[in-house]
């Protein structure tokens, strides 16, 4: 039975960076499972703490077979 390992990559919202990361995953023999785009937003970790800005970008989930 083949074991699989999954990885999560984050990439800034630039098509060249997205392409480079996808090429890198393929070059390592990986398979892209999912690509999700997330818009820029403000995040507050806990009530009372000031929010901070998160830039837009992609979340890529990839799958790799283990030896």
Protein backbone atom coordinates (compact mmCIF):
# COMPACT_ATOMS: atom_id res chain seq x y z
CA UNK A 1 0.00 0.00 0.00
CA UNK A 2 1.29 3.45 -0.91
CA UNK A 3 1.41 6.04 1.85
CA UNK A 4 0.63 9.64 1.02
CA UNK A 5 1.63 12.88 2.63
CA UNK A 6 -0.15 16.19 2.18
CA UNK A 7 1.30 19.69 2.31
CA UNK A 8 -0.26 23.16 2.50
CA UNK A 9 1.48 26.04 0.73
CA UNK A 10 0.57 29.72 0.84
CA UNK A 11 1.41 32.05 -2.05
CA UNK A 12 0.95 35.79 -2.44
CA UNK A 13 -1.70 36.91 -4.92
CA UNK A 14 0.58 37.11 -7.96
CA UNK A 15 0.08 34.81 -10.98
CA UNK A 16 3.84 34.32 -11.45
CA UNK A 17 4.28 33.14 -7.85
CA UNK A 18 1.30 30.80 -8.18
CA UNK A 19 2.70 29.30 -11.39
CA UNK A 20 6.16 28.90 -9.84
CA UNK A 21 4.74 27.06 -6.81
CA UNK A 22 2.61 24.77 -8.99
CA UNK A 23 5.68 24.00 -11.15
CA UNK A 24 7.72 23.28 -8.01
CA UNK A 25 5.11 20.82 -6.73
CA UNK A 26 5.02 19.04 -10.12
CA UNK A 27 8.84 18.91 -10.33
CA UNK A 28 8.91 17.12 -6.96
CA UNK A 29 6.44 14.53 -8.24
CA UNK A 30 3.52 15.95 -6.29
CA UNK A 31 -0.09 16.35 -7.29
CA UNK A 32 -2.14 19.48 -6.67
CA UNK A 33 -5.32 18.59 -4.78
CA UNK A 34 -6.80 22.06 -4.35
CA UNK A 35 -6.13 25.74 -5.03
CA UNK A 36 -8.14 28.31 -3.06
CA UNK A 37 -7.96 32.08 -3.48
CA UNK A 38 -8.52 34.18 -0.37
CA UNK A 39 -9.28 37.92 -0.52
CA UNK A 40 -7.51 40.53 1.61
CA UNK A 41 -9.19 40.89 4.99
CA UNK A 42 -8.79 42.09 8.56
CA UNK A 43 -8.25 39.43 11.20
CA UNK A 44 -8.78 39.76 14.95
CA UNK A 45 -7.26 36.93 16.97
CA UNK A 46 -8.93 37.78 20.27
CA UNK A 47 -11.44 40.37 21.45
CA UNK A 48 -9.63 43.49 22.62
CA UNK A 49 -6.61 42.97 20.37
CA UNK A 50 -6.26 45.26 17.38
CA UNK A 51 -7.08 43.68 14.01
CA UNK A 52 -4.37 43.24 11.42
CA UNK A 53 -4.52 43.16 7.64
CA UNK A 54 -3.96 39.90 5.77
CA UNK A 55 -3.17 40.27 2.07
CA UNK A 56 -4.91 38.27 -0.62
CA UNK A 57 -3.31 35.06 -1.80
CA UNK A 58 -3.63 31.39 -2.62
CA UNK A 59 -3.69 28.29 -0.46
CA UNK A 60 -2.48 25.18 -2.30
CA UNK A 61 -2.91 21.64 -1.00
CA UNK A 62 -0.62 19.06 -2.57
CA UNK A 63 -0.24 15.31 -2.26
CA UNK A 64 3.05 13.38 -2.35
CA UNK A 65 3.66 9.64 -2.26
CA UNK A 66 6.05 8.40 0.43
CA UNK A 67 8.58 5.67 -0.34
